[in-house]
Amino acid sequence: MNRDTAGNAVVEAGWQAVRDDGRVRPELLEAAYAEPRLRQLFPWTGMGELHFSRCTGQRWTWDILYIQPASDGTYWVSGPLRSETVGPAATAQDAIAMVVQHLPAGCGPAFVGTPEELAAHEATTP
């Protein structure tokens, strides 16, 4: 994909924004960022959930599992659609492992652009 120094900066800024946001548990963010395959994706949050996108531009992609906090300190892995669930995870590391196990083929690094631009790029790339 089109990952370069500028692309790395955009993704890193996304990670910093998620950290600054404060809606995702710090231990989950640390575990996700420590995983190289997730660190190269663009993170975003919604309702305390941690999502990962294959592109940096909004609307972001919805083809990667996401992690929800559970009230008892554990996690729930769902997705990629809101109507789909994978199951519970006792720890942040377990949740991260579940997401990584289900990553789409050829996932990452994040494409600098929108989902539409990503789709156009993928349509012209062998």
N, C-alpha and C. Protein backbone atom coordinates (compact mmCIF):
# COMPACT_ATOMS: atom_id res chain seq x y z
N MET A 1 0.83 -1.18 0.00
CA MET A 1 0.00 0.00 0.00
C MET A 1 0.88 1.24 0.00
N ASN A 2 0.31 2.39 0.23
CA ASN A 2 1.05 3.64 0.06
C ASN A 2 1.68 4.13 1.35
N ARG A 3 2.22 3.23 2.14
CA ARG A 3 2.79 3.60 3.44
C ARG A 3 4.17 4.19 3.27
N ASP A 4 4.38 5.37 3.79
CA ASP A 4 5.67 6.03 3.79
C ASP A 4 5.79 6.79 5.10
N THR A 5 6.77 7.68 5.18
CA THR A 5 6.97 8.43 6.42
C THR A 5 5.73 9.23 6.79
N ALA A 6 5.10 9.86 5.80
CA ALA A 6 3.89 10.64 6.07
C ALA A 6 2.76 9.72 6.54
N GLY A 7 2.63 8.56 5.92
CA GLY A 7 1.60 7.60 6.33
C GLY A 7 1.83 7.10 7.75
N ASN A 8 3.09 6.83 8.07
CA ASN A 8 3.42 6.41 9.43
C ASN A 8 3.02 7.48 10.44
N ALA A 9 3.26 8.74 10.08
CA ALA A 9 2.92 9.85 10.98
C ALA A 9 1.42 9.95 11.19
N VAL A 10 0.64 9.73 10.14
CA VAL A 10 -0.83 9.79 10.25
C VAL A 10 -1.32 8.69 11.19
N VAL A 11 -0.81 7.48 11.01
CA VAL A 11 -1.23 6.36 11.86
C VAL A 11 -0.79 6.60 13.30
N GLU A 12 0.42 7.05 13.50
CA GLU A 12 0.91 7.32 14.86
C GLU A 12 0.08 8.41 15.53
N ALA A 13 -0.31 9.42 14.77
CA ALA A 13 -1.17 10.48 15.31
C ALA A 13 -2.54 9.90 15.71
N GLY A 14 -3.01 8.93 14.96
CA GLY A 14 -4.27 8.26 15.32
C GLY A 14 -4.15 7.53 16.65
N TRP A 15 -3.04 6.83 16.84
CA TRP A 15 -2.81 6.14 18.12
C TRP A 15 -2.74 7.14 19.27
N GLN A 16 -2.07 8.27 19.03
CA GLN A 16 -1.97 9.28 20.09
C GLN A 16 -3.35 9.86 20.40
N ALA A 17 -4.16 10.08 19.38
CA ALA A 17 -5.50 10.61 19.60
C ALA A 17 -6.35 9.65 20.42
N VAL A 18 -6.22 8.35 20.16
CA VAL A 18 -6.96 7.35 20.93
C VAL A 18 -6.48 7.35 22.39
N ARG A 19 -5.19 7.47 22.58
CA ARG A 19 -4.66 7.54 23.96
C ARG A 19 -5.21 8.78 24.67
N ASP A 20 -5.16 9.92 23.99
CA ASP A 20 -5.61 11.18 24.58
C ASP A 20 -7.11 11.19 24.85
N ASP A 21 -7.85 10.44 24.04
CA ASP A 21 -9.31 10.39 24.15
C ASP A 21 -9.75 9.86 25.51
N GLY A 22 -9.05 8.86 26.03
CA GLY A 22 -9.34 8.32 27.36
C GLY A 22 -10.52 7.38 27.45
N ARG A 23 -11.14 7.01 26.32
CA ARG A 23 -12.31 6.13 26.36
C ARG A 23 -11.97 4.65 26.34
N VAL A 24 -10.72 4.33 26.00
CA VAL A 24 -10.31 2.93 25.92
C VAL A 24 -9.37 2.63 27.08
N ARG A 25 -9.56 1.48 27.69
CA ARG A 25 -8.71 1.09 28.82
C ARG A 25 -7.23 1.11 28.43
N PRO A 26 -6.40 1.72 29.26
CA PRO A 26 -4.97 1.81 28.94
C PRO A 26 -4.32 0.46 28.67
N GLU A 27 -4.67 -0.58 29.43
CA GLU A 27 -4.03 -1.88 29.21
C GLU A 27 -4.39 -2.46 27.84
N LEU A 28 -5.59 -2.15 27.34
CA LEU A 28 -5.97 -2.61 26.01
C LEU A 28 -5.19 -1.85 24.94
N LEU A 29 -5.06 -0.56 25.11
CA LEU A 29 -4.28 0.23 24.16
C LEU A 29 -2.83 -0.22 24.11
N GLU A 30 -2.24 -0.46 25.28
CA GLU A 30 -0.85 -0.92 25.34
C GLU A 30 -0.69 -2.26 24.62
N ALA A 31 -1.61 -3.18 24.87
CA ALA A 31 -1.53 -4.50 24.24
C ALA A 31 -1.71 -4.40 22.72
N ALA A 32 -2.63 -3.57 22.28
CA ALA A 32 -2.86 -3.40 20.84
C ALA A 32 -1.66 -2.76 20.16
N TYR A 33 -1.12 -1.73 20.78
CA TYR A 33 0.02 -1.03 20.20
C TYR A 33 1.27 -1.91 20.18
N ALA A 34 1.38 -2.81 21.12
CA ALA A 34 2.54 -3.72 21.18
C ALA A 34 2.50 -4.77 20.08
N GLU A 35 1.34 -4.99 19.48
CA GLU A 35 1.18 -5.98 18.41
C GLU A 35 1.47 -5.30 17.07
N PRO A 36 2.58 -5.64 16.40
CA PRO A 36 2.96 -4.95 15.16
C PRO A 36 1.88 -4.95 14.07
N ARG A 37 1.12 -6.04 13.97
CA ARG A 37 0.10 -6.10 12.91
C ARG A 37 -1.05 -5.15 13.18
N LEU A 38 -1.31 -4.84 14.45
CA LEU A 38 -2.36 -3.86 14.77
C LEU A 38 -1.79 -2.44 14.80
N ARG A 39 -0.56 -2.29 15.24
CA ARG A 39 0.04 -0.96 15.32
C ARG A 39 0.11 -0.29 13.96
N GLN A 40 0.17 -1.06 12.87
CA GLN A 40 0.24 -0.47 11.53
C GLN A 40 -1.13 -0.07 10.98
N LEU A 41 -2.19 -0.41 11.71
CA LEU A 41 -3.55 -0.03 11.31
C LEU A 41 -3.95 1.27 11.99
N PHE A 42 -5.01 1.89 11.48
CA PHE A 42 -5.47 3.15 12.06
C PHE A 42 -6.50 2.85 13.14
N PRO A 43 -6.23 3.25 14.39
CA PRO A 43 -7.16 2.98 15.49
C PRO A 43 -8.22 4.07 15.60
N TRP A 44 -9.40 3.68 16.07
CA TRP A 44 -10.42 4.67 16.38
C TRP A 44 -11.33 4.08 17.46
N THR A 45 -12.04 4.97 18.13
CA THR A 45 -12.88 4.52 19.24
C THR A 45 -14.33 4.88 19.01
N GLY A 46 -15.16 4.15 19.69
CA GLY A 46 -16.59 4.41 19.71
C GLY A 46 -17.16 3.72 20.92
N MET A 47 -17.79 4.45 21.79
CA MET A 47 -18.44 3.88 22.97
C MET A 47 -17.48 3.03 23.81
N GLY A 48 -16.24 3.46 23.93
CA GLY A 48 -15.25 2.73 24.71
C GLY A 48 -14.65 1.54 23.99
N GLU A 49 -15.08 1.32 22.75
CA GLU A 49 -14.58 0.20 21.96
C GLU A 49 -13.31 0.63 21.22
N LEU A 50 -12.47 -0.35 20.94
CA LEU A 50 -11.28 -0.11 20.14
C LEU A 50 -11.47 -0.77 18.79
N HIS A 51 -11.43 0.06 17.75
CA HIS A 51 -11.60 -0.38 16.37
C HIS A 51 -10.30 -0.19 15.62
N PHE A 52 -10.16 -0.91 14.51
CA PHE A 52 -8.97 -0.82 13.66
C PHE A 52 -9.43 -0.67 12.22
N SER A 53 -8.81 0.27 11.51
CA SER A 53 -9.18 0.51 10.11
C SER A 53 -8.00 0.26 9.20
N ARG A 54 -8.30 -0.23 7.99
CA ARG A 54 -7.27 -0.43 6.98
C ARG A 54 -6.95 0.85 6.23
N CYS A 55 -7.68 1.94 6.55
CA CYS A 55 -7.38 3.24 5.94
C CYS A 55 -7.43 4.33 7.01
N THR A 56 -6.86 5.48 6.70
CA THR A 56 -6.76 6.55 7.69
C THR A 56 -7.90 7.56 7.62
N GLY A 57 -8.64 7.55 6.53
CA GLY A 57 -9.70 8.55 6.35
C GLY A 57 -11.05 8.05 6.81
N GLN A 58 -11.82 8.98 7.35
CA GLN A 58 -13.16 8.62 7.80
C GLN A 58 -14.03 8.27 6.62
N ARG A 59 -14.75 7.48 6.79
CA ARG A 59 -15.60 6.59 7.50
C ARG A 59 -14.86 5.39 8.06
N TRP A 60 -13.64 5.22 7.75
CA TRP A 60 -12.84 4.06 8.15
C TRP A 60 -13.46 2.76 7.64
N THR A 61 -12.68 1.71 7.69
CA THR A 61 -13.18 0.41 7.22
C THR A 61 -13.81 -0.36 8.37
N TRP A 62 -14.75 -1.22 8.04
CA TRP A 62 -15.44 -2.06 9.03
C TRP A 62 -15.24 -3.54 8.69
N ASP A 63 -14.00 -3.94 8.43
CA ASP A 63 -13.75 -5.33 8.07
C ASP A 63 -12.77 -6.01 9.02
N ILE A 64 -12.57 -5.40 10.18
CA ILE A 64 -11.69 -5.95 11.21
C ILE A 64 -12.48 -6.03 12.52
N LEU A 65 -12.25 -7.10 13.26
CA LEU A 65 -12.91 -7.24 14.56
C LEU A 65 -12.59 -6.04 15.45
N TYR A 66 -13.46 -5.79 16.42
CA TYR A 66 -13.21 -4.72 17.38
C TYR A 66 -13.42 -5.25 18.79
N ILE A 67 -12.94 -4.49 19.76
CA ILE A 67 -12.94 -4.96 21.14
C ILE A 67 -13.77 -4.02 22.01
N GLN A 68 -14.69 -4.62 22.76
CA GLN A 68 -15.55 -3.87 23.68
C GLN A 68 -15.15 -4.18 25.12
N PRO A 69 -15.21 -3.19 26.00
CA PRO A 69 -14.96 -3.48 27.41
C PRO A 69 -16.20 -4.14 28.04
N ALA A 70 -15.98 -5.09 28.90
CA ALA A 70 -17.08 -5.69 29.67
C ALA A 70 -17.05 -5.09 31.08
N SER A 71 -18.17 -5.09 31.74
CA SER A 71 -18.28 -4.43 33.04
C SER A 71 -17.42 -5.07 34.12
N ASP A 72 -17.06 -6.33 33.96
CA ASP A 72 -16.28 -7.03 34.98
C ASP A 72 -14.77 -6.93 34.76
N GLY A 73 -14.34 -6.05 33.85
CA GLY A 73 -12.91 -5.88 33.59
C GLY A 73 -12.39 -6.76 32.47
N THR A 74 -13.24 -7.59 31.91
CA THR A 74 -12.83 -8.43 30.79
C THR A 74 -13.21 -7.71 29.48
N TYR A 75 -13.20 -8.44 28.39
CA TYR A 75 -13.47 -7.86 27.07
C TYR A 75 -14.39 -8.76 26.27
N TRP A 76 -14.99 -8.16 25.25
CA TRP A 76 -15.82 -8.89 24.31
C TRP A 76 -15.34 -8.51 22.92
N VAL A 77 -15.06 -9.52 22.09
CA VAL A 77 -14.60 -9.28 20.74
C VAL A 77 -15.77 -9.48 19.79
N SER A 78 -16.00 -8.50 18.95
CA SER A 78 -17.14 -8.52 18.03
C SER A 78 -16.70 -8.10 16.64
N GLY A 79 -17.63 -8.27 15.72
CA GLY A 79 -17.43 -7.73 14.39
C GLY A 79 -17.11 -8.79 13.35
N PRO A 80 -16.79 -8.30 12.19
CA PRO A 80 -16.58 -6.90 11.93
C PRO A 80 -17.85 -6.05 11.96
N LEU A 81 -19.00 -6.62 11.69
CA LEU A 81 -20.24 -5.86 11.76
C LEU A 81 -20.78 -5.85 13.19
N ARG A 82 -21.57 -4.86 13.52
CA ARG A 82 -22.14 -4.77 14.88
C ARG A 82 -23.01 -5.98 15.23
N SER A 83 -23.58 -6.62 14.23
CA SER A 83 -24.46 -7.77 14.47
C SER A 83 -23.69 -9.08 14.66
N GLU A 84 -22.36 -9.04 14.56
CA GLU A 84 -21.55 -10.25 14.65
C GLU A 84 -20.72 -10.24 15.93
N THR A 85 -20.64 -11.39 16.59
CA THR A 85 -19.80 -11.50 17.78
C THR A 85 -18.86 -12.69 17.63
N VAL A 86 -17.71 -12.58 18.28
CA VAL A 86 -16.74 -13.66 18.29
C VAL A 86 -16.74 -14.33 19.65
N GLY A 87 -16.67 -13.51 20.71
CA GLY A 87 -16.75 -14.08 22.04
C GLY A 87 -16.00 -13.30 23.09
N PRO A 88 -16.03 -13.81 24.33
CA PRO A 88 -15.38 -13.12 25.44
C PRO A 88 -13.87 -13.34 25.44
N ALA A 89 -13.18 -12.41 26.08
CA ALA A 89 -11.73 -12.51 26.27
C ALA A 89 -11.44 -12.09 27.70
N ALA A 90 -10.71 -12.91 28.43
CA ALA A 90 -10.44 -12.64 29.85
C ALA A 90 -9.49 -11.47 30.04
N THR A 91 -8.55 -11.29 29.11
CA THR A 91 -7.53 -10.24 29.25
C THR A 91 -7.43 -9.44 27.96
N ALA A 92 -6.76 -8.30 28.05
CA ALA A 92 -6.51 -7.49 26.86
C ALA A 92 -5.68 -8.29 25.85
N GLN A 93 -4.70 -9.04 26.32
CA GLN A 93 -3.86 -9.84 25.43
C GLN A 93 -4.68 -10.90 24.70
N ASP A 94 -5.63 -11.52 25.41
CA ASP A 94 -6.50 -12.51 24.77
C ASP A 94 -7.35 -11.87 23.68
N ALA A 95 -7.88 -10.69 23.96
CA ALA A 95 -8.70 -9.97 22.98
C ALA A 95 -7.88 -9.62 21.74
N ILE A 96 -6.67 -9.14 21.97
CA ILE A 96 -5.78 -8.79 20.85
C ILE A 96 -5.48 -10.02 20.01
N ALA A 97 -5.20 -11.13 20.65
CA ALA A 97 -4.90 -12.37 19.93
C ALA A 97 -6.09 -12.79 19.06
N MET A 98 -7.30 -12.61 19.56
CA MET A 98 -8.49 -12.97 18.78
C MET A 98 -8.61 -12.08 17.55
N VAL A 99 -8.35 -10.80 17.71
CA VAL A 99 -8.42 -9.88 16.57
C VAL A 99 -7.37 -10.25 15.53
N VAL A 100 -6.14 -10.47 15.97
CA VAL A 100 -5.06 -10.80 15.05
C VAL A 100 -5.35 -12.09 14.30
N GLN A 101 -5.91 -13.06 14.99
CA GLN A 101 -6.23 -14.35 14.37
C GLN A 101 -7.22 -14.18 13.22
N HIS A 102 -8.06 -13.17 13.27
CA HIS A 102 -9.11 -12.97 12.27
C HIS A 102 -8.83 -11.81 11.31
N LEU A 103 -7.59 -11.31 11.27
CA LEU A 103 -7.29 -10.21 10.36
C LEU A 103 -7.48 -10.66 8.91
N PRO A 104 -8.03 -9.78 8.07
CA PRO A 104 -8.16 -10.12 6.65
C PRO A 104 -6.80 -10.36 6.02
N ALA A 105 -6.77 -11.16 4.99
CA ALA A 105 -5.52 -11.43 4.27
C ALA A 105 -4.95 -10.13 3.73
N GLY A 106 -3.64 -9.98 3.82
CA GLY A 106 -2.98 -8.79 3.30
C GLY A 106 -3.30 -7.51 4.04
N CYS A 107 -3.69 -7.63 5.28
CA CYS A 107 -4.12 -6.48 6.07
C CYS A 107 -2.93 -5.64 6.53
N GLY A 108 -2.92 -4.38 6.13
CA GLY A 108 -1.91 -3.44 6.59
C GLY A 108 -0.75 -3.34 5.63
N PRO A 109 -0.01 -2.30 5.77
CA PRO A 109 -0.25 -1.16 6.65
C PRO A 109 -1.43 -0.32 6.17
N ALA A 110 -1.91 0.56 7.04
CA ALA A 110 -3.07 1.38 6.72
C ALA A 110 -2.81 2.23 5.49
N PHE A 111 -3.81 2.28 4.64
CA PHE A 111 -3.77 3.09 3.43
C PHE A 111 -4.10 4.53 3.81
N VAL A 112 -3.32 5.48 3.33
CA VAL A 112 -3.58 6.89 3.62
C VAL A 112 -4.65 7.37 2.66
N GLY A 113 -5.86 7.50 3.19
CA GLY A 113 -7.00 7.91 2.39
C GLY A 113 -8.29 7.35 2.94
N THR A 114 -9.35 7.49 2.18
CA THR A 114 -10.69 7.07 2.58
C THR A 114 -10.94 5.62 2.16
N PRO A 115 -12.04 5.03 2.66
CA PRO A 115 -12.37 3.67 2.21
C PRO A 115 -12.59 3.59 0.70
N GLU A 116 -13.17 4.64 0.12
CA GLU A 116 -13.40 4.64 -1.32
C GLU A 116 -12.07 4.68 -2.09
N GLU A 117 -11.13 5.49 -1.60
CA GLU A 117 -9.82 5.54 -2.24
C GLU A 117 -9.07 4.22 -2.07
N LEU A 118 -9.23 3.60 -0.92
CA LEU A 118 -8.63 2.29 -0.69
C LEU A 118 -9.19 1.26 -1.66
N ALA A 119 -10.52 1.26 -1.83
CA ALA A 119 -11.15 0.31 -2.75
C ALA A 119 -10.67 0.53 -4.19
N ALA A 120 -10.55 1.78 -4.59
CA ALA A 120 -10.05 2.09 -5.94
C ALA A 120 -8.61 1.63 -6.09
N HIS A 121 -7.80 1.85 -5.07
CA HIS A 121 -6.41 1.40 -5.09
C HIS A 121 -6.33 -0.12 -5.20
N GLU A 122 -7.13 -0.80 -4.39
CA GLU A 122 -7.11 -2.28 -4.41
C GLU A 122 -7.61 -2.82 -5.75
N ALA A 123 -8.52 -2.12 -6.40
CA ALA A 123 -9.05 -2.57 -7.68
C ALA A 123 -8.01 -2.49 -8.79
N THR A 124 -7.01 -1.63 -8.62
CA THR A 124 -5.98 -1.48 -9.65
C THR A 124 -4.65 -2.15 -9.28
N THR A 125 -4.60 -2.77 -8.10
CA THR A 125 -3.37 -3.40 -7.63
C THR A 125 -3.51 -4.92 -7.75
N PRO A 126 -2.55 -5.55 -8.46
CA PRO A 126 -2.65 -7.02 -8.60
C PRO A 126 -2.46 -7.75 -7.30
